[in-house]
Amino acid sequence: MTRLLALVLLCLQGHVAVAGGRITLALSTEPPSLNSMAAQDEYASFLLRHLKEGLTSYGVDGELIPGVAERWELEPTRAVFHLRRNARWHDGKIVTAHDFVYAWRRIVDPAIPSPYAYLLYPILNAEAIVNGEQKAETLGVKALDDFTIEVTLERPCAYFLALTAYMTYLPVRADYVERFGDAYAADADKQAYNGPFTLASWVHGARLQLLRNPTYWNSQVVELDAIDIDHITSDPLAVMNLFADGGIALANIGVDNLDLALQRGMPLKQFKVGSLFFLRFNFSPDRVTSDPDLRKAISLVYSPRTLVDKIIAIPGFETAGSIFPEFVSSLGIRIQERYPQPPVSMDIEKARAHLEIFMKRHGLEEPPAIHLLTSDSPGAGKQAEFLQNRLQLALGLDVRIDKQIFKQRIAREAQGLFDITMSGWGPDYDDAMTFADLFASWNPNNRGGYASAEYDALVAKAQMTLDPDERAALFNEMQILLREETAMLPLYENALVYLQDPALTGVVRLRFGGDPLLTYARKLSGDELASDGLTSAQQGRAAQ
């Protein structure tokens, strides 16, 4: 999933009872879409995690748990899911197997392009349908009855169950799509909800409100009455001011306000997000970065440790040397434990030699200009300036920074309007494939256009391999190939440093889409706060 350094803030309003209450949340930007068949960003993922529920979901410890499906049987190329008979949409209608079949068929329909259709490729005929070789009705999913779904897989898939918790696999009501057409899910009243909350209102660019869904089958675990999203801001100093004034209960901390938080002795928390940030190169023939020697030169002139320690300077961030972050595993094997790959070492002399080869090959007398695309957040801007400075000093490259808001950055990436882009990717599901297939030639999120028959073959083999050791070895071959061809340049693995009001509990931090999970969140009672040893001043702040 495409990642930015998002800000998610919470504010407790008034004296909220333990059994209920309201929280106010602010996002750094609103999602481009809340259509689960088209959404591809973390903002939509966060909201849809609370508004809808798929066959599986996540529990209080971040573990995969039953969702609409109460049980299932898994075979190498077949899965059968048994749906709960008490799972309902917000209007009281029953959630049926047909709602899943409809959504999945629509996602792979080439007439309705979905950026995440490839996540359904493990299902029989999905890829052929996307390529126009089969009809959507041939997708390997059937509603055996209203409460039973049979899935036939194209090949064995070790991670299929994990996929079913992701937003692309959510059910969709056909009557809403038919009624609203292209406007489906564009506003609060234009889709149906079967999750712990409903979207009561959405004023674009300003606010959203989520209300507790009384028809949710597991509503007894939901203690919040409402989530009010009243602020959309990416200003980290404004966030700090809100927290300092006692107005917000959870605030992300960035490099711009970390020192202030430390000076005030605020109790910082940390969460290993699991996202990878990297440089994405444009492989289009008309772009200078299609040349392997220029890419190699660029990869050899920056210091990963300097970037992480001096420029980002946020606790928990780690340098990266591979497409696979440290936590990523495959069938119980952590790739970086089995096959560690350290960051590329800086070597200015070699970098200049590669640049010279590039310039001679293209008959250039001066180093070329480089178009560097990045987001408009303060942190991304500092990182872009660091790279700009390094490339200018070491190689004489004229790097022109193009800062864009989230929607525009994604659009310009998709159009290929860059030489290099500072990208981030967060895991969609719990398996190494969520990172590996990012550079497969068929993946629409491979926006740099890297294409390698050898890499595609490795991905295809890993998709169907069930042997843990063989599969881990395949992922190792992938990371080696990407480095040899400088297909991308890993920068760092990020972490979240944040402040949390002591009165807020039950917040679940998720790596795999939908962070933070608020389904189980609540405000501690006065007695609970007292038992935790909070002072009267702290309790007063928590109640604000």
Protein backbone atom coordinates (compact mmCIF):
# COMPACT_ATOMS: atom_id res chain seq x y z
CA MET A 1 0.00 0.00 0.00
CA THR A 2 1.29 3.43 -0.92
CA ARG A 3 2.55 5.17 2.21
CA LEU A 4 3.18 8.71 3.40
CA LEU A 5 4.18 9.86 6.86
CA ALA A 6 0.53 10.20 7.85
CA LEU A 7 -0.66 11.98 10.95
CA VAL A 8 -3.50 10.35 12.86
CA LEU A 9 -4.67 12.27 15.88
CA LEU A 10 -7.30 11.57 18.45
CA CYS A 11 -9.10 13.87 20.87
CA LEU A 12 -11.38 12.86 23.71
CA GLN A 13 -14.34 15.16 24.06
CA GLY A 14 -16.08 15.81 27.36
CA HIS A 15 -16.51 13.36 30.24
CA VAL A 16 -16.94 10.12 28.34
CA ALA A 17 -18.33 7.00 30.06
CA VAL A 18 -16.38 3.77 29.87
CA ALA A 19 -19.19 2.07 27.92
CA GLY A 20 -19.37 4.71 25.24
CA GLY A 21 -18.01 8.03 24.17
CA ARG A 22 -16.78 10.06 21.27
CA ILE A 23 -13.30 10.64 19.95
CA THR A 24 -12.15 13.18 17.46
CA LEU A 25 -9.63 12.20 14.85
CA ALA A 26 -7.63 14.22 12.35
CA LEU A 27 -5.96 12.91 9.21
CA SER A 28 -3.15 14.47 7.22
CA THR A 29 -5.31 14.17 4.10
CA GLU A 30 -8.65 12.69 3.17
CA PRO A 31 -8.72 9.50 1.09
CA PRO A 32 -9.01 9.86 -2.69
CA SER A 33 -11.71 7.17 -2.63
CA LEU A 34 -13.67 5.02 -0.19
CA ASN A 35 -14.66 2.55 -2.90
CA SER A 36 -13.06 -0.67 -1.66
CA MET A 37 -12.85 -1.90 -5.25
CA ALA A 38 -10.68 1.07 -6.23
CA ALA A 39 -8.98 2.28 -3.02
CA GLN A 40 -5.21 1.87 -2.75
CA ASP A 41 -3.96 4.13 0.05
CA GLU A 42 -3.57 3.96 3.83
CA TYR A 43 -6.21 6.62 4.51
CA ALA A 44 -8.93 4.59 2.78
CA SER A 45 -7.57 1.45 4.42
CA PHE A 46 -7.90 3.02 7.86
CA LEU A 47 -11.48 4.15 7.30
CA LEU A 48 -12.66 1.01 5.52
CA ARG A 49 -11.22 -1.12 8.33
CA HIS A 50 -13.85 0.49 10.58
CA LEU A 51 -16.69 0.81 8.07
CA LYS A 52 -16.70 -2.63 6.46
CA GLU A 53 -15.63 -6.17 7.27
CA GLY A 54 -14.39 -8.97 5.05
CA LEU A 55 -14.23 -12.71 5.51
CA THR A 56 -11.45 -12.24 8.07
CA SER A 57 -10.33 -9.33 10.23
CA TYR A 58 -7.86 -8.45 13.01
CA GLY A 59 -8.17 -8.91 16.76
CA VAL A 60 -6.98 -7.07 19.87
CA ASP A 61 -3.43 -8.40 19.44
CA GLY A 62 -3.28 -7.70 15.71
CA GLU A 63 -3.86 -11.36 14.91
CA LEU A 64 -5.96 -12.65 12.01
CA ILE A 65 -9.44 -13.61 13.24
CA PRO A 66 -12.79 -14.65 11.74
CA GLY A 67 -14.83 -11.79 10.33
CA VAL A 68 -17.99 -12.28 8.30
CA ALA A 69 -16.79 -15.85 7.84
CA GLU A 70 -17.14 -17.75 11.12
CA ARG A 71 -15.13 -20.73 9.85
CA TRP A 72 -13.46 -22.12 6.75
CA GLU A 73 -11.76 -25.12 5.17
CA LEU A 74 -8.53 -24.63 3.25
CA GLU A 75 -7.01 -26.99 0.69
CA PRO A 76 -4.03 -26.32 -1.62
CA THR A 77 -6.25 -25.07 -4.48
CA ARG A 78 -9.67 -24.71 -2.84
CA ALA A 79 -11.21 -22.82 0.05
CA VAL A 80 -14.72 -22.86 1.48
CA PHE A 81 -15.93 -20.05 3.76
CA HIS A 82 -19.02 -20.33 5.96
CA LEU A 83 -20.62 -16.95 6.65
CA ARG A 84 -22.31 -15.86 9.85
CA ARG A 85 -26.07 -15.76 9.58
CA ASN A 86 -26.20 -12.68 11.84
CA ALA A 87 -23.82 -10.54 9.76
CA ARG A 88 -25.84 -7.57 8.50
CA TRP A 89 -25.47 -4.34 6.56
CA HIS A 90 -26.24 -1.08 8.29
CA ASP A 91 -29.78 -1.08 6.89
CA GLY A 92 -30.51 -4.49 8.38
CA LYS A 93 -30.12 -6.57 5.21
CA ILE A 94 -28.15 -9.79 5.54
CA VAL A 95 -24.56 -9.94 4.27
CA THR A 96 -24.53 -12.84 1.82
CA ALA A 97 -22.03 -14.81 -0.22
CA HIS A 98 -23.37 -13.03 -3.29
CA ASP A 99 -22.05 -9.68 -1.97
CA PHE A 100 -18.52 -11.08 -2.04
CA VAL A 101 -18.90 -12.76 -5.43
CA TYR A 102 -20.25 -9.53 -6.93
CA ALA A 103 -17.38 -7.41 -5.58
CA TRP A 104 -14.62 -9.82 -6.60
CA ARG A 105 -15.97 -10.25 -10.13
CA ARG A 106 -16.28 -6.51 -10.55
CA ILE A 107 -12.70 -5.92 -9.37
CA VAL A 108 -11.23 -8.15 -12.10
CA ASP A 109 -13.56 -6.87 -14.84
CA PRO A 110 -11.25 -5.06 -17.33
CA ALA A 111 -14.08 -2.68 -18.17
CA ILE A 112 -13.85 -1.35 -14.60
CA PRO A 113 -10.09 -1.16 -13.98
CA SER A 114 -9.06 -1.65 -10.35
CA PRO A 115 -5.49 -0.82 -9.25
CA TYR A 116 -5.52 -3.78 -6.84
CA ALA A 117 -7.06 -6.38 -9.15
CA TYR A 118 -3.77 -8.26 -9.05
CA LEU A 119 -4.43 -9.18 -5.41
CA LEU A 120 -7.10 -11.54 -6.72
CA TYR A 121 -4.70 -13.28 -9.13
CA PRO A 122 -4.40 -16.34 -6.85
CA ILE A 123 -8.06 -17.05 -7.74
CA LEU A 124 -8.76 -19.18 -10.81
CA ASN A 125 -8.99 -17.15 -14.05
CA ALA A 126 -8.52 -13.76 -12.31
CA GLU A 127 -5.47 -12.73 -14.33
CA ALA A 128 -6.98 -14.03 -17.57
CA ILE A 129 -10.12 -11.97 -16.91
CA VAL A 130 -8.11 -8.82 -16.23
CA ASN A 131 -6.26 -9.40 -19.52
CA GLY A 132 -9.54 -9.77 -21.42
CA GLU A 133 -9.07 -13.48 -22.09
CA GLN A 134 -11.99 -14.69 -19.96
CA LYS A 135 -15.37 -13.39 -18.80
CA ALA A 136 -15.75 -12.12 -15.23
CA GLU A 137 -18.30 -14.87 -14.59
CA THR A 138 -15.53 -17.48 -14.92
CA LEU A 139 -13.72 -16.19 -11.82
CA GLY A 140 -13.12 -19.09 -9.44
CA VAL A 141 -15.57 -17.96 -6.77
CA LYS A 142 -19.10 -19.28 -6.26
CA ALA A 143 -21.92 -18.70 -3.83
CA LEU A 144 -22.98 -22.26 -3.03
CA ASP A 145 -25.84 -20.69 -1.08
CA ASP A 146 -26.43 -17.41 0.74
CA PHE A 147 -23.92 -18.31 3.45
CA THR A 148 -21.28 -20.43 1.72
CA ILE A 149 -18.49 -19.26 -0.60
CA GLU A 150 -16.34 -21.67 -2.58
CA VAL A 151 -13.05 -20.34 -3.95
CA THR A 152 -11.00 -22.24 -6.52
CA LEU A 153 -7.39 -21.12 -6.74
CA GLU A 154 -5.29 -20.88 -9.88
CA ARG A 155 -2.44 -22.47 -7.98
CA PRO A 156 -1.52 -23.19 -4.36
CA CYS A 157 -1.25 -19.92 -2.44
CA ALA A 158 0.39 -19.89 0.98
CA TYR A 159 -1.00 -16.45 1.88
CA PHE A 160 -4.56 -16.53 0.50
CA LEU A 161 -6.27 -16.43 3.90
CA ALA A 162 -4.30 -13.29 4.84
CA LEU A 163 -5.48 -11.61 1.64
CA THR A 164 -9.13 -11.94 2.68
CA ALA A 165 -8.64 -9.39 5.50
CA TYR A 166 -7.55 -6.66 3.07
CA MET A 167 -9.92 -3.97 1.79
CA THR A 168 -9.87 -5.21 -1.83
CA TYR A 169 -11.62 -8.41 -0.68
CA LEU A 170 -14.49 -6.58 1.08
CA PRO A 171 -18.12 -7.30 0.15
CA VAL A 172 -20.10 -4.79 -1.91
CA ARG A 173 -23.86 -4.33 -2.27
CA ALA A 174 -24.80 -4.49 -5.97
CA ASP A 175 -27.92 -2.35 -5.48
CA TYR A 176 -25.80 0.60 -4.29
CA VAL A 177 -23.42 0.34 -7.24
CA GLU A 178 -26.30 0.10 -9.71
CA ARG A 179 -28.07 3.04 -8.11
CA PHE A 180 -25.10 5.46 -7.91
CA GLY A 181 -22.89 4.31 -10.79
CA ASP A 182 -19.64 6.27 -11.01
CA ALA A 183 -20.63 8.17 -7.85
CA TYR A 184 -20.66 4.96 -5.80
CA ALA A 185 -18.94 5.52 -2.41
CA ALA A 186 -18.23 9.15 -3.28
CA ASP A 187 -20.31 10.35 -0.33
CA ALA A 188 -21.42 8.96 3.00
CA ASP A 189 -24.84 7.81 1.79
CA LYS A 190 -23.60 6.19 -1.41
CA GLN A 191 -22.50 2.79 -0.09
CA ALA A 192 -23.57 0.21 2.49
CA TYR A 193 -21.59 -0.59 5.64
CA ASN A 194 -21.24 -3.88 7.51
CA GLY A 195 -18.39 -2.96 9.87
CA PRO A 196 -18.29 -1.72 13.47
CA PHE A 197 -19.09 1.84 12.33
CA THR A 198 -21.06 3.61 9.61
CA LEU A 199 -20.10 6.79 7.78
CA ALA A 200 -22.73 9.27 8.89
CA SER A 201 -21.36 12.31 7.04
CA TRP A 202 -18.50 13.34 4.77
CA VAL A 203 -17.84 16.98 3.99
CA HIS A 204 -15.04 16.70 1.46
CA GLY A 205 -11.82 18.37 2.50
CA ALA A 206 -13.19 19.22 5.91
CA ARG A 207 -14.63 16.44 8.07
CA LEU A 208 -16.05 12.95 8.36
CA GLN A 209 -18.12 11.34 11.09
CA LEU A 210 -18.29 7.64 11.93
CA LEU A 211 -21.08 6.34 14.17
CA ARG A 212 -21.28 3.01 15.98
CA ASN A 213 -23.13 0.48 13.83
CA PRO A 214 -25.87 -1.20 15.92
CA THR A 215 -26.39 -3.90 13.26
CA TYR A 216 -22.75 -5.06 13.32
CA TRP A 217 -22.73 -8.72 14.35
CA ASN A 218 -20.01 -8.13 16.98
CA SER A 219 -21.22 -4.74 18.19
CA GLN A 220 -20.81 -5.73 21.83
CA VAL A 221 -17.03 -5.23 21.55
CA VAL A 222 -17.43 -1.67 20.24
CA GLU A 223 -17.45 0.88 23.06
CA LEU A 224 -17.11 4.11 21.10
CA ASP A 225 -20.31 5.83 20.02
CA ALA A 226 -18.68 8.05 17.43
CA ILE A 227 -15.43 8.98 15.73
CA ASP A 228 -15.46 12.62 14.62
CA ILE A 229 -12.84 13.50 12.02
CA ASP A 230 -12.89 17.26 12.38
CA HIS A 231 -9.36 18.19 11.29
CA ILE A 232 -7.31 17.50 8.19
CA THR A 233 -3.77 18.81 8.66
CA SER A 234 -0.23 17.72 7.91
CA ASP A 235 1.41 20.44 10.04
CA PRO A 236 3.43 18.66 12.78
CA LEU A 237 3.82 21.83 14.84
CA ALA A 238 0.07 22.34 14.86
CA VAL A 239 -0.27 18.79 16.09
CA MET A 240 2.13 19.45 18.94
CA ASN A 241 0.28 22.61 19.91
CA LEU A 242 -2.99 20.71 20.03
CA PHE A 243 -1.48 18.08 22.28
CA ALA A 244 0.20 20.67 24.51
CA ASP A 245 -3.17 22.36 24.97
CA GLY A 246 -4.72 19.09 26.12
CA GLY A 247 -6.89 18.85 23.06
CA ILE A 248 -5.73 15.60 21.52
CA ALA A 249 -5.17 12.21 23.06
CA LEU A 250 -2.93 10.62 20.42
CA ALA A 251 -0.45 12.52 18.29
CA ASN A 252 2.23 11.36 15.89
CA ILE A 253 5.65 12.91 16.46
CA GLY A 254 7.99 13.89 13.65
CA VAL A 255 11.45 15.39 13.48
CA ASP A 256 9.97 18.90 13.64
CA ASN A 257 8.41 18.39 17.07
CA LEU A 258 10.44 15.54 18.58
CA ASP A 259 12.81 17.86 20.47
CA LEU A 260 9.89 19.80 21.91
CA ALA A 261 8.27 16.58 23.12
CA LEU A 262 11.51 15.47 24.74
CA GLN A 263 12.05 18.86 26.38
CA ARG A 264 8.60 18.65 27.94
CA GLY A 265 9.22 15.15 29.18
CA MET A 266 6.27 13.74 27.31
CA PRO A 267 5.94 9.92 27.44
CA LEU A 268 6.78 8.83 23.92
CA LYS A 269 5.54 5.53 22.53
CA GLN A 270 6.92 3.68 19.54
CA PHE A 271 5.48 1.32 16.95
CA LYS A 272 7.41 -0.49 14.22
CA VAL A 273 5.18 0.28 11.26
CA GLY A 274 6.84 -2.12 8.84
CA SER A 275 6.83 0.18 5.84
CA LEU A 276 9.74 0.45 3.42
CA PHE A 277 10.78 3.76 1.90
CA PHE A 278 12.87 3.70 -1.26
CA LEU A 279 13.87 5.49 -4.44
CA ARG A 280 11.84 4.39 -7.43
CA PHE A 281 13.54 4.82 -10.82
CA ASN A 282 11.72 5.48 -14.08
CA PHE A 283 12.66 2.82 -16.64
CA SER A 284 10.91 4.48 -19.58
CA PRO A 285 13.38 4.68 -22.53
CA ASP A 286 13.00 8.45 -22.74
CA ARG A 287 14.14 8.90 -19.12
CA VAL A 288 17.80 9.17 -18.12
CA THR A 289 17.23 6.76 -15.22
CA SER A 290 16.58 3.94 -17.69
CA ASP A 291 20.37 3.74 -17.96
CA PRO A 292 21.83 1.20 -15.48
CA ASP A 293 25.09 3.10 -14.97
CA LEU A 294 23.32 6.30 -13.94
CA ARG A 295 21.17 4.35 -11.48
CA LYS A 296 24.26 2.64 -10.10
CA ALA A 297 26.05 5.99 -9.73
CA ILE A 298 23.12 7.43 -7.81
CA SER A 299 22.97 4.40 -5.49
CA LEU A 300 26.62 4.83 -4.45
CA VAL A 301 26.67 8.47 -3.34
CA TYR A 302 24.36 8.63 -0.35
CA SER A 303 24.90 7.48 3.21
CA PRO A 304 21.92 5.52 4.58
CA ARG A 305 23.10 6.04 8.14
CA THR A 306 23.39 9.81 7.69
CA LEU A 307 19.90 9.95 6.23
CA VAL A 308 18.38 8.02 9.14
CA ASP A 309 20.42 9.48 12.01
CA LYS A 310 20.89 13.09 10.93
CA ILE A 311 18.07 13.97 8.53
CA ILE A 312 15.14 11.87 9.74
CA ALA A 313 16.41 11.67 13.34
CA ILE A 314 13.38 9.83 14.71
CA PRO A 315 13.87 6.89 17.11
CA GLY A 316 13.07 3.49 15.64
CA PHE A 317 13.90 4.24 12.02
CA GLU A 318 16.41 1.77 10.51
CA THR A 319 18.49 1.76 7.36
CA ALA A 320 17.28 -0.65 4.68
CA GLY A 321 19.21 -2.79 2.24
CA SER A 322 16.46 -4.85 0.72
CA ILE A 323 12.93 -4.71 -0.60
CA PHE A 324 12.04 -6.91 2.39
CA PRO A 325 11.91 -5.08 5.75
CA GLU A 326 13.34 -6.77 8.83
CA PHE A 327 10.01 -8.14 10.12
CA VAL A 328 8.86 -9.69 6.81
CA SER A 329 8.46 -13.44 6.81
CA SER A 330 7.47 -16.27 4.50
CA LEU A 331 5.87 -19.36 6.02
CA GLY A 332 7.52 -18.60 9.36
CA ILE A 333 10.96 -17.69 7.99
CA ARG A 334 12.15 -14.10 8.31
CA ILE A 335 13.88 -13.25 5.06
CA GLN A 336 16.46 -10.87 6.58
CA GLU A 337 17.35 -13.38 9.30
CA ARG A 338 17.92 -16.16 6.78
CA TYR A 339 19.40 -13.97 4.03
CA PRO A 340 20.57 -10.62 5.46
CA GLN A 341 21.24 -7.87 2.94
CA PRO A 342 22.92 -4.73 4.35
CA PRO A 343 22.48 -1.28 2.80
CA VAL A 344 24.57 -0.31 -0.23
CA SER A 345 27.94 1.13 0.83
CA MET A 346 28.83 4.63 -0.31
CA ASP A 347 31.67 4.74 -2.86
CA ILE A 348 32.12 8.11 -4.58
CA GLU A 349 34.95 6.93 -6.84
CA LYS A 350 32.90 4.07 -8.26
CA ALA A 351 29.88 6.33 -8.57
CA ARG A 352 31.81 8.82 -10.71
CA ALA A 353 33.15 6.00 -12.87
CA HIS A 354 29.60 4.81 -13.57
CA LEU A 355 28.53 8.38 -14.33
CA GLU A 356 31.38 8.75 -16.81
CA ILE A 357 30.32 5.56 -18.60
CA PHE A 358 26.75 6.87 -18.76
CA MET A 359 27.79 10.25 -20.18
CA LYS A 360 30.05 8.72 -22.84
CA ARG A 361 27.32 6.30 -23.88
CA HIS A 362 24.91 9.19 -24.48
CA GLY A 363 27.43 11.74 -25.78
CA LEU A 364 26.92 14.13 -22.89
CA GLU A 365 29.41 16.79 -21.83
CA GLU A 366 27.51 17.81 -18.70
CA PRO A 367 25.65 15.67 -16.15
CA PRO A 368 21.89 15.54 -16.84
CA ALA A 369 19.08 17.18 -14.90
CA ILE A 370 17.08 14.84 -12.67
CA HIS A 371 13.36 15.23 -11.94
CA LEU A 372 12.81 14.11 -8.31
CA LEU A 373 9.15 13.66 -7.39
CA THR A 374 8.15 13.67 -3.72
CA SER A 375 5.26 14.49 -1.41
CA ASP A 376 4.75 17.90 0.15
CA SER A 377 5.21 16.85 3.78
CA PRO A 378 8.01 18.57 5.75
CA GLY A 379 9.82 15.28 6.37
CA ALA A 380 9.72 14.26 2.71
CA GLY A 381 10.99 17.69 1.73
CA LYS A 382 14.04 17.41 3.99
CA GLN A 383 14.86 13.97 2.65
CA ALA A 384 14.55 15.19 -0.94
CA GLU A 385 16.87 18.11 -0.21
CA PHE A 386 19.40 15.74 1.35
CA LEU A 387 19.40 13.60 -1.79
CA GLN A 388 19.56 16.69 -3.99
CA ASN A 389 22.60 17.93 -2.10
CA ARG A 390 24.38 14.58 -2.24
CA LEU A 391 23.86 14.14 -5.98
CA GLN A 392 24.96 17.69 -6.69
CA LEU A 393 28.14 17.54 -4.58
CA ALA A 394 29.22 14.04 -5.56
CA LEU A 395 28.13 13.85 -9.20
CA GLY A 396 27.25 17.37 -10.30
CA LEU A 397 23.67 16.33 -11.09
CA ASP A 398 21.06 19.08 -11.31
CA VAL A 399 18.24 17.61 -9.20
CA ARG A 400 14.95 19.46 -9.51
CA ILE A 401 12.54 18.68 -6.68
CA ASP A 402 8.85 18.40 -7.56
CA LYS A 403 6.71 18.50 -4.39
CA GLN A 404 3.11 17.36 -4.80
CA ILE A 405 0.15 16.67 -2.53
CA PHE A 406 -0.69 13.00 -2.07
CA LYS A 407 -3.29 12.69 -4.86
CA GLN A 408 -1.15 14.54 -7.36
CA ARG A 409 2.01 12.63 -6.47
CA ILE A 410 0.25 9.32 -7.12
CA ALA A 411 -1.21 10.67 -10.37
CA ARG A 412 2.17 11.91 -11.61
CA GLU A 413 3.78 8.59 -10.72
CA ALA A 414 1.10 6.75 -12.69
CA GLN A 415 1.73 9.03 -15.67
CA GLY A 416 5.49 8.47 -15.47
CA LEU A 417 6.22 12.16 -14.88
CA PHE A 418 9.46 11.68 -12.95
CA ASP A 419 13.00 10.35 -13.15
CA ILE A 420 13.13 9.37 -9.49
CA THR A 421 10.35 9.34 -6.94
CA MET A 422 10.64 8.97 -3.18
CA SER A 423 8.19 6.15 -2.56
CA GLY A 424 6.92 4.18 0.38
CA TRP A 425 5.17 0.85 0.60
CA GLY A 426 3.40 -0.67 3.57
CA PRO A 427 2.43 -4.33 3.84
CA ASP A 428 -1.11 -5.18 2.77
CA TYR A 429 -1.01 -8.68 4.25
CA ASP A 430 1.28 -10.87 6.34
CA ASP A 431 3.59 -12.40 3.74
CA ALA A 432 6.77 -11.40 1.88
CA MET A 433 4.83 -11.42 -1.38
CA THR A 434 3.22 -8.10 -0.42
CA PHE A 435 6.63 -6.52 -1.13
CA ALA A 436 7.99 -8.95 -3.72
CA ASP A 437 5.34 -8.49 -6.39
CA LEU A 438 5.68 -4.71 -6.24
CA PHE A 439 8.34 -4.98 -8.98
CA ALA A 440 6.62 -7.61 -11.10
CA SER A 441 6.07 -6.27 -14.62
CA TRP A 442 2.32 -6.94 -14.43
CA ASN A 443 1.76 -5.01 -11.19
CA PRO A 444 0.12 -1.59 -11.78
CA ASN A 445 1.90 -0.31 -8.66
CA ASN A 446 5.22 -0.91 -10.43
CA ARG A 447 5.03 2.70 -11.57
CA GLY A 448 8.66 2.93 -12.61
CA GLY A 449 8.10 0.30 -15.29
CA TYR A 450 10.85 -2.10 -14.22
CA ALA A 451 10.48 -5.26 -16.31
CA SER A 452 12.49 -8.45 -15.91
CA ALA A 453 11.43 -11.86 -17.16
CA GLU A 454 13.78 -13.40 -14.61
CA TYR A 455 12.20 -11.46 -11.74
CA ASP A 456 8.67 -12.27 -12.92
CA ALA A 457 9.56 -15.97 -13.01
CA LEU A 458 10.86 -15.84 -9.44
CA VAL A 459 7.66 -14.14 -8.26
CA ALA A 460 5.49 -16.68 -10.08
CA LYS A 461 7.36 -19.59 -8.55
CA ALA A 462 7.19 -18.11 -5.03
CA GLN A 463 3.45 -17.54 -5.43
CA MET A 464 2.77 -21.26 -5.81
CA THR A 465 5.54 -22.75 -3.66
CA LEU A 466 4.49 -24.15 -0.29
CA ASP A 467 7.92 -25.34 0.87
CA PRO A 468 9.23 -22.79 3.45
CA ASP A 469 12.94 -23.15 2.64
CA GLU A 470 12.48 -23.13 -1.12
CA ARG A 471 10.21 -20.10 -0.93
CA ALA A 472 12.62 -18.12 1.29
CA ALA A 473 15.44 -18.88 -1.16
CA LEU A 474 13.32 -17.51 -4.01
CA PHE A 475 12.77 -14.24 -2.14
CA ASN A 476 16.51 -14.03 -1.60
CA GLU A 477 17.10 -14.37 -5.34
CA MET A 478 14.65 -11.52 -5.88
CA GLN A 479 16.41 -9.12 -3.51
CA ILE A 480 19.79 -9.98 -5.08
CA LEU A 481 18.48 -9.36 -8.60
CA LEU A 482 16.91 -6.02 -7.67
CA ARG A 483 20.24 -4.89 -6.21
CA GLU A 484 22.29 -6.10 -9.18
CA GLU A 485 20.06 -4.19 -11.59
CA THR A 486 19.56 -1.22 -9.24
CA ALA A 487 15.85 -1.57 -9.90
CA MET A 488 15.18 0.43 -6.72
CA LEU A 489 17.21 1.88 -3.88
CA PRO A 490 16.06 0.97 -0.35
CA LEU A 491 16.33 3.92 2.03
CA TYR A 492 14.86 3.05 5.41
CA GLU A 493 12.25 1.17 7.42
CA ASN A 494 10.09 3.58 9.34
CA ALA A 495 8.69 3.62 12.84
CA LEU A 496 5.92 5.60 14.45
CA VAL A 497 6.74 7.73 17.49
CA TYR A 498 3.62 9.04 19.13
CA LEU A 499 2.01 10.39 22.28
CA GLN A 500 -1.06 8.80 23.80
CA ASP A 501 -3.29 10.22 26.48
CA PRO A 502 -3.34 7.86 29.50
CA ALA A 503 -7.15 7.82 29.40
CA LEU A 504 -7.26 6.23 25.96
CA THR A 505 -6.89 2.46 25.87
CA GLY A 506 -7.63 -0.43 23.54
CA VAL A 507 -5.99 1.14 20.50
CA VAL A 508 -4.53 -1.63 18.33
CA ARG A 509 -1.55 -0.79 16.11
CA LEU A 510 -1.69 -2.68 12.82
CA ARG A 511 1.00 -3.29 10.23
CA PHE A 512 -1.33 -4.81 7.71
CA GLY A 513 -3.78 -2.07 6.81
CA GLY A 514 -6.13 0.02 8.92
CA ASP A 515 -3.81 1.50 11.56
CA PRO A 516 -4.79 2.48 14.17
CA LEU A 517 -7.63 0.01 14.82
CA LEU A 518 -10.22 1.66 17.07
CA THR A 519 -12.83 -1.08 17.17
CA TYR A 520 -11.74 -2.03 20.70
CA ALA A 521 -10.81 1.48 21.91
CA ARG A 522 -12.36 3.06 24.97
CA LYS A 523 -11.73 5.69 27.62
CA LEU A 524 -10.63 4.52 31.05
CA SER A 525 -12.94 5.30 33.94
CA GLY A 526 -11.87 7.53 36.80
CA ASP A 527 -11.29 4.51 39.04
CA GLU A 528 -9.12 2.85 36.39
CA LEU A 529 -7.13 6.02 35.96
CA ALA A 530 -6.60 6.25 39.70
CA SER A 531 -5.49 2.62 39.89
CA ASP A 532 -2.88 3.40 37.23
CA GLY A 533 -1.40 6.02 39.56
CA LEU A 534 -2.33 9.09 37.53
CA THR A 535 -2.27 12.44 39.26
CA SER A 536 -5.40 14.57 39.42
CA ALA A 537 -3.86 16.88 36.83
CA GLN A 538 -3.27 13.99 34.46
CA GLN A 539 -6.81 12.76 34.98
CA GLY A 540 -8.12 16.23 34.24
CA ARG A 541 -6.18 16.37 31.00
CA ALA A 542 -7.39 12.93 30.00
CA ALA A 543 -11.00 13.94 30.52
CA GLN A 544 -10.76 17.02 28.35
